[in-house]
Amino acid sequence: MQEILSLAGANLISPIILSFALGLAAALARSDLTIPEAVAKGMSIYLLFAIGFKGGVAVSTHGIDQTLILSLIAGLILSFGLPLIAFALLRVMTGLSNIDAAAVAAHYGSISIVTFVAATSVLQGRLIDSEGYMVAVAAVMEAPAILSALWLVARSGGGGKMEPGLMRELLLNGSIVLLVGAFFIGAITGEQGLAEISPFIVAPFKGVLCLFLLDMGLIAGRGLRQSRGVVGMGAVGFAIVMPLVGAMIGLGAGLLVGLSLGGVVLMMVLSASASYIAVPAAMRVALPEANPSVYLTLSLGVTFPFNLTLGIPLYLAVAQIVVGG
């Protein structure tokens, strides 16, 4: 417990977390601080390209092996299965309708790439290596949860629609295209390619991440302000319990696959995070009856800050106890 508290304390006073806290506090205090949308979009593109490229370089150095393939399969299974667990918890812990519960569940089977990036930054700061191909695992975990949510709604007789272009839209989602595309560029060019653009994607990375999380704090704070009274304590409790459940399942998956300490931590983080970009966009099309205030408040306003401040250090501490190192 002492080690977990120490890790959490160190994480809380990192520039990355404090930047998020600044944005959150500014929004809750109704400050006029804003990040222009074009700047925020540019930072998002930069972060996705950098993390994808570096992951591809790591794969080119490591090579394709059985662990990589098993990791991808594990990611797919987790993304399909976690919404089923989330839906069951929501039915017990909240009074949400089947449609709202399914929409929320979809978010908790998909992933938050920003939480993933923050976790890789924490690992790098503690000199813990991880498998570069975990970027590919993150990419394959984006969409399957949406299919699980639609199945849950259809099973409960609530409708839900699979629009003809929905799967194409999901697979060609800008964040997935950029992440996977950068991954392949890094895999093809390898360490020589990394050396050529290292001053661009290595040195500025943490500074850009700080500014991006400042913007995320502003967005989360505004969402919390606007959604007062929309979600109950049961739903808030779910948004904290579900990441812990997902992390433990991710821990088991990482151990079964044979990942390193850093890889296990990232599998836990992916399983514990909740989407607030790709899935909300899909839910607006597939489940328009679902209330965005509910699923965005839980994923972005509760789970995202929880994972950044307490979740990541907790998952790291647990993985160190189980895996060693």
Protein backbone atom coordinates (compact mmCIF):
# COMPACT_ATOMS: atom_id res chain seq x y z
CA MET A 1 0.00 0.00 0.00
CA GLN A 2 2.86 2.38 0.83
CA GLU A 3 4.37 1.80 -2.62
CA ILE A 4 1.03 2.45 -4.32
CA LEU A 5 0.60 5.72 -2.41
CA SER A 6 4.17 6.70 -3.26
CA LEU A 7 3.60 6.03 -6.96
CA ALA A 8 0.30 7.92 -6.89
CA GLY A 9 1.94 10.86 -5.14
CA ALA A 10 4.76 10.99 -7.68
CA ASN A 11 2.25 10.80 -10.52
CA LEU A 12 0.09 13.55 -9.05
CA ILE A 13 2.96 16.04 -8.99
CA SER A 14 4.09 15.31 -12.54
CA PRO A 15 3.72 18.14 -15.11
CA ILE A 16 1.34 15.96 -17.14
CA ILE A 17 -1.19 15.46 -14.33
CA LEU A 18 -0.84 18.99 -13.00
CA SER A 19 -1.58 20.35 -16.48
CA PHE A 20 -4.82 18.35 -16.54
CA ALA A 21 -5.63 19.55 -13.00
CA LEU A 22 -5.07 23.16 -14.08
CA GLY A 23 -7.51 22.82 -16.98
CA LEU A 24 -10.08 21.07 -14.76
CA ALA A 25 -9.83 23.73 -12.04
CA ALA A 26 -10.01 26.56 -14.58
CA ALA A 27 -13.17 25.15 -16.15
CA LEU A 28 -14.87 24.51 -12.80
CA ALA A 29 -14.00 28.09 -11.75
CA ARG A 30 -15.55 29.35 -15.02
CA SER A 31 -12.30 30.87 -16.27
CA ASP A 32 -12.22 32.07 -19.88
CA LEU A 33 -9.07 30.03 -20.52
CA THR A 34 -9.44 28.12 -23.80
CA ILE A 35 -7.29 26.23 -26.27
CA PRO A 36 -8.25 27.04 -29.89
CA GLU A 37 -9.86 24.03 -31.54
CA ALA A 38 -7.38 24.03 -34.41
CA VAL A 39 -4.46 23.96 -31.95
CA ALA A 40 -6.03 21.11 -29.97
CA LYS A 41 -6.60 19.17 -33.20
CA GLY A 42 -2.98 19.75 -34.21
CA MET A 43 -1.71 18.48 -30.86
CA SER A 44 -3.90 15.39 -31.17
CA ILE A 45 -2.50 14.65 -34.64
CA TYR A 46 1.05 15.12 -33.35
CA LEU A 47 0.59 12.77 -30.37
CA LEU A 48 -1.07 10.04 -32.42
CA PHE A 49 1.62 10.19 -35.09
CA ALA A 50 4.46 10.17 -32.55
CA ILE A 51 3.16 7.24 -30.50
CA GLY A 52 2.26 5.24 -33.61
CA PHE A 53 5.62 5.88 -35.28
CA LYS A 54 7.64 4.94 -32.19
CA GLY A 55 5.55 1.79 -31.77
CA GLY A 56 6.26 0.79 -35.35
CA VAL A 57 9.99 1.33 -34.85
CA ALA A 58 9.87 -0.89 -31.77
CA VAL A 59 8.20 -3.65 -33.80
CA SER A 60 10.79 -3.38 -36.58
CA THR A 61 13.49 -3.89 -33.96
CA HIS A 62 11.66 -6.64 -32.07
CA GLY A 63 10.12 -8.49 -35.01
CA ILE A 64 6.73 -10.21 -35.36
CA ASP A 65 6.31 -13.15 -33.02
CA GLN A 66 3.70 -15.28 -31.30
CA THR A 67 3.32 -12.84 -28.41
CA LEU A 68 2.39 -10.02 -30.77
CA ILE A 69 -0.30 -12.13 -32.46
CA LEU A 70 -1.67 -13.36 -29.13
CA SER A 71 -1.73 -9.76 -27.83
CA LEU A 72 -3.85 -8.65 -30.80
CA ILE A 73 -6.26 -11.57 -30.27
CA ALA A 74 -6.46 -10.76 -26.56
CA GLY A 75 -7.24 -7.12 -27.37
CA LEU A 76 -10.10 -8.13 -29.67
CA ILE A 77 -11.57 -10.50 -27.08
CA LEU A 78 -11.33 -7.87 -24.35
CA SER A 79 -13.00 -5.22 -26.50
CA PHE A 80 -15.89 -7.56 -27.30
CA GLY A 81 -16.21 -8.90 -23.75
CA LEU A 82 -15.71 -5.91 -21.44
CA PRO A 83 -18.98 -4.21 -22.52
CA LEU A 84 -20.90 -7.29 -21.40
CA ILE A 85 -19.39 -7.00 -17.92
CA ALA A 86 -19.94 -3.23 -17.88
CA PHE A 87 -23.58 -3.67 -18.90
CA ALA A 88 -24.18 -6.20 -16.11
CA LEU A 89 -22.61 -3.85 -13.53
CA LEU A 90 -24.67 -0.91 -14.78
CA ARG A 91 -27.90 -2.89 -14.44
CA VAL A 92 -26.99 -3.64 -10.81
CA MET A 93 -25.50 -0.28 -9.79
CA THR A 94 -27.69 2.20 -11.68
CA GLY A 95 -31.21 2.81 -12.89
CA LEU A 96 -30.13 3.54 -16.47
CA SER A 97 -32.30 2.31 -19.30
CA ASN A 98 -31.07 -0.57 -21.44
CA ILE A 99 -30.14 1.83 -24.23
CA ASP A 100 -28.18 4.21 -21.99
CA ALA A 101 -26.51 1.28 -20.22
CA ALA A 102 -25.47 -0.28 -23.54
CA ALA A 103 -24.11 3.06 -24.79
CA VAL A 104 -22.07 3.51 -21.62
CA ALA A 105 -20.87 -0.10 -21.80
CA ALA A 106 -19.54 0.46 -25.32
CA HIS A 107 -17.27 3.23 -24.02
CA TYR A 108 -15.76 0.88 -21.43
CA GLY A 109 -14.92 -1.82 -23.97
CA SER A 110 -13.15 0.65 -26.23
CA ILE A 111 -10.05 2.61 -25.21
CA SER A 112 -8.75 6.09 -24.44
CA ILE A 113 -5.61 6.66 -26.51
CA VAL A 114 -4.70 9.68 -24.36
CA THR A 115 -4.72 7.52 -21.20
CA PHE A 116 -2.55 5.02 -23.09
CA VAL A 117 -0.10 7.77 -24.09
CA ALA A 118 0.02 9.07 -20.50
CA ALA A 119 0.78 5.54 -19.25
CA THR A 120 3.63 5.10 -21.76
CA SER A 121 5.03 8.41 -20.54
CA VAL A 122 4.90 7.21 -16.92
CA LEU A 123 6.67 3.96 -17.88
CA GLN A 124 9.37 5.85 -19.77
CA GLY A 125 9.89 8.13 -16.78
CA ARG A 126 10.49 5.07 -14.59
CA LEU A 127 12.75 3.46 -17.24
CA ILE A 128 10.35 0.53 -17.75
CA ASP A 129 10.36 -0.92 -21.26
CA SER A 130 7.17 -2.08 -22.96
CA GLU A 131 6.29 -3.83 -26.21
CA GLY A 132 5.99 -1.26 -29.00
CA TYR A 133 3.23 -3.25 -30.67
CA MET A 134 0.83 -2.38 -27.84
CA VAL A 135 -0.04 0.56 -30.10
CA ALA A 136 -1.50 -1.97 -32.54
CA VAL A 137 -3.43 -3.61 -29.70
CA ALA A 138 -4.89 -0.19 -28.84
CA ALA A 139 -5.99 0.25 -32.45
CA VAL A 140 -7.82 -3.10 -32.65
CA MET A 141 -9.65 -2.37 -29.38
CA GLU A 142 -11.33 0.79 -30.71
CA ALA A 143 -14.35 -0.62 -32.56
CA PRO A 144 -15.47 -4.14 -31.41
CA ALA A 145 -17.10 -2.77 -28.25
CA ILE A 146 -19.59 -0.86 -30.39
CA LEU A 147 -20.80 -4.13 -31.94
CA SER A 148 -21.22 -5.60 -28.46
CA ALA A 149 -23.34 -2.60 -27.43
CA LEU A 150 -25.61 -2.98 -30.45
CA TRP A 151 -26.02 -6.68 -29.68
CA LEU A 152 -26.96 -5.84 -26.07
CA VAL A 153 -29.62 -3.39 -27.24
CA ALA A 154 -31.03 -5.79 -29.84
CA ARG A 155 -31.10 -8.58 -27.25
CA SER A 156 -33.12 -6.41 -24.86
CA GLY A 157 -35.53 -5.38 -27.61
CA GLY A 158 -34.40 -1.76 -27.66
CA GLY A 159 -33.59 -1.47 -31.34
CA GLY A 160 -30.27 0.07 -32.19
CA LYS A 161 -29.21 0.42 -35.78
CA MET A 162 -26.22 -0.78 -37.75
CA GLU A 163 -26.08 1.88 -40.45
CA PRO A 164 -24.54 0.64 -43.74
CA GLY A 165 -21.65 3.08 -43.45
CA LEU A 166 -21.08 2.76 -39.70
CA MET A 167 -18.37 0.08 -39.81
CA ARG A 168 -16.60 1.89 -42.64
CA GLU A 169 -16.73 5.10 -40.62
CA LEU A 170 -15.33 3.34 -37.57
CA LEU A 171 -12.50 1.65 -39.44
CA LEU A 172 -11.62 4.86 -41.27
CA ASN A 173 -11.88 7.00 -38.13
CA GLY A 174 -9.14 9.62 -38.35
CA SER A 175 -7.44 8.63 -35.10
CA ILE A 176 -7.27 4.95 -36.11
CA VAL A 177 -6.01 5.74 -39.62
CA LEU A 178 -3.31 8.05 -38.29
CA LEU A 179 -2.24 5.72 -35.48
CA VAL A 180 -2.05 2.63 -37.69
CA GLY A 181 -0.55 4.54 -40.60
CA ALA A 182 2.21 6.04 -38.45
CA PHE A 183 2.78 2.60 -36.96
CA PHE A 184 3.45 1.11 -40.40
CA ILE A 185 5.68 4.04 -41.38
CA GLY A 186 7.75 3.46 -38.25
CA ALA A 187 7.86 -0.30 -38.88
CA ILE A 188 9.05 0.23 -42.47
CA THR A 189 11.66 2.92 -41.80
CA GLY A 190 12.88 1.50 -38.48
CA GLU A 191 15.54 3.10 -36.31
CA GLN A 192 17.02 5.02 -39.23
CA GLY A 193 13.67 6.73 -39.79
CA LEU A 194 13.38 7.50 -36.09
CA ALA A 195 16.85 9.06 -36.08
CA GLU A 196 15.85 11.34 -38.95
CA ILE A 197 12.82 12.85 -37.18
CA SER A 198 13.80 12.28 -33.54
CA PRO A 199 14.08 16.02 -32.73
CA PHE A 200 10.44 16.36 -33.81
CA ILE A 201 8.71 13.36 -32.20
CA VAL A 202 10.88 12.60 -29.15
CA ALA A 203 12.04 15.80 -27.43
CA PRO A 204 8.80 17.86 -27.70
CA PHE A 205 6.50 14.93 -26.89
CA LYS A 206 5.94 15.50 -23.16
CA GLY A 207 5.53 19.25 -23.57
CA VAL A 208 2.83 18.79 -26.21
CA LEU A 209 1.18 16.14 -24.02
CA CYS A 210 1.03 18.65 -21.13
CA LEU A 211 -0.75 21.23 -23.29
CA PHE A 212 -3.09 18.60 -24.69
CA LEU A 213 -4.06 17.44 -21.21
CA LEU A 214 -4.60 21.05 -20.19
CA ASP A 215 -7.23 21.17 -22.95
CA MET A 216 -8.69 17.81 -21.84
CA GLY A 217 -8.99 19.19 -18.31
CA LEU A 218 -10.92 22.18 -19.63
CA ILE A 219 -13.27 19.90 -21.59
CA ALA A 220 -13.79 17.55 -18.64
CA GLY A 221 -14.45 20.44 -16.25
CA ARG A 222 -17.04 22.01 -18.54
CA GLY A 223 -18.72 18.62 -18.97
CA LEU A 224 -18.94 18.12 -15.22
CA ARG A 225 -20.43 21.57 -14.77
CA GLN A 226 -23.06 21.05 -17.42
CA SER A 227 -24.06 17.55 -16.33
CA ARG A 228 -24.89 18.20 -12.68
CA GLY A 229 -27.94 16.16 -11.72
CA VAL A 230 -27.79 14.04 -14.89
CA VAL A 231 -25.95 11.06 -13.39
CA GLY A 232 -26.45 9.55 -9.94
CA MET A 233 -23.96 8.27 -7.39
CA GLY A 234 -24.42 4.70 -8.63
CA ALA A 235 -23.27 5.70 -12.11
CA VAL A 236 -20.30 7.63 -10.69
CA GLY A 237 -19.41 4.57 -8.60
CA PHE A 238 -19.55 2.44 -11.74
CA ALA A 239 -17.15 4.83 -13.52
CA ILE A 240 -14.58 4.09 -10.79
CA VAL A 241 -15.30 0.39 -10.20
CA MET A 242 -15.34 -0.61 -13.88
CA PRO A 243 -11.77 0.58 -14.59
CA LEU A 244 -10.56 -1.50 -11.64
CA VAL A 245 -12.44 -4.57 -12.90
CA GLY A 246 -11.15 -4.02 -16.44
CA ALA A 247 -7.58 -3.57 -15.20
CA MET A 248 -7.65 -6.87 -13.33
CA ILE A 249 -8.97 -8.65 -16.43
CA GLY A 250 -6.27 -6.93 -18.48
CA LEU A 251 -3.69 -8.10 -15.95
CA GLY A 252 -4.79 -11.70 -16.45
CA ALA A 253 -4.72 -11.30 -20.23
CA GLY A 254 -1.24 -9.78 -20.16
CA LEU A 255 0.08 -12.62 -18.00
CA LEU A 256 -1.48 -15.29 -20.22
CA VAL A 257 -0.01 -13.71 -23.35
CA GLY A 258 3.43 -13.43 -21.76
CA LEU A 259 3.94 -9.67 -21.89
CA SER A 260 6.72 -7.86 -20.07
CA LEU A 261 6.04 -5.72 -17.00
CA GLY A 262 5.52 -2.62 -19.15
CA GLY A 263 3.32 -4.53 -21.60
CA VAL A 264 1.16 -5.88 -18.77
CA VAL A 265 0.70 -2.35 -17.40
CA LEU A 266 -0.37 -1.08 -20.83
CA MET A 267 -2.80 -3.99 -21.27
CA MET A 268 -4.27 -3.10 -17.88
CA VAL A 269 -4.54 0.56 -18.86
CA LEU A 270 -6.23 -0.26 -22.17
CA SER A 271 -8.71 -2.53 -20.40
CA ALA A 272 -9.38 0.10 -17.73
CA SER A 273 -9.78 3.14 -19.98
CA ALA A 274 -12.94 4.43 -21.62
CA SER A 275 -13.35 6.02 -25.03
CA TYR A 276 -14.57 9.61 -25.27
CA ILE A 277 -13.81 10.32 -28.95
CA ALA A 278 -14.53 7.42 -31.34
CA VAL A 279 -17.37 5.72 -29.44
CA PRO A 280 -19.42 8.88 -28.70
CA ALA A 281 -19.35 9.66 -32.42
CA ALA A 282 -20.53 6.12 -33.22
CA MET A 283 -23.24 6.20 -30.55
CA ARG A 284 -24.75 9.34 -32.05
CA VAL A 285 -25.35 7.31 -35.21
CA ALA A 286 -26.02 3.81 -33.86
CA LEU A 287 -27.94 4.69 -30.66
CA PRO A 288 -29.28 8.23 -31.11
CA GLU A 289 -31.77 7.65 -28.25
CA ALA A 290 -28.92 7.30 -25.74
CA ASN A 291 -28.15 10.36 -23.60
CA PRO A 292 -24.70 11.82 -24.45
CA SER A 293 -24.60 13.65 -21.10
CA VAL A 294 -24.52 10.28 -19.34
CA TYR A 295 -21.84 8.47 -21.30
CA LEU A 296 -19.58 11.51 -21.81
CA THR A 297 -19.76 12.53 -18.15
CA LEU A 298 -18.81 9.03 -16.99
CA SER A 299 -16.04 8.35 -19.51
CA LEU A 300 -14.46 11.80 -19.72
CA GLY A 301 -15.53 13.45 -16.48
CA VAL A 302 -14.98 10.57 -14.04
CA THR A 303 -13.01 7.62 -15.46
CA PHE A 304 -10.44 9.67 -17.38
CA PRO A 305 -9.35 11.79 -14.36
CA PHE A 306 -9.43 8.72 -12.11
CA ASN A 307 -7.12 6.78 -14.41
CA LEU A 308 -4.72 9.69 -14.84
CA THR A 309 -4.37 10.48 -11.15
CA LEU A 310 -4.81 7.18 -9.30
CA GLY A 311 -5.43 4.39 -11.81
CA ILE A 312 -2.11 4.33 -13.70
CA PRO A 313 0.08 4.27 -10.55
CA LEU A 314 -2.21 1.63 -9.01
CA TYR A 315 -2.02 -0.59 -12.10
CA LEU A 316 1.76 -0.20 -12.22
CA ALA A 317 2.14 -1.10 -8.54
CA VAL A 318 -0.09 -4.17 -8.87
CA ALA A 319 1.76 -5.31 -12.00
CA GLN A 320 5.12 -4.92 -10.24
CA ILE A 321 3.88 -7.10 -7.38
CA VAL A 322 2.52 -9.79 -9.69
CA VAL A 323 5.09 -9.71 -12.51
CA GLY A 324 8.08 -8.50 -10.52
CA GLY A 325 10.49 -5.76 -11.47
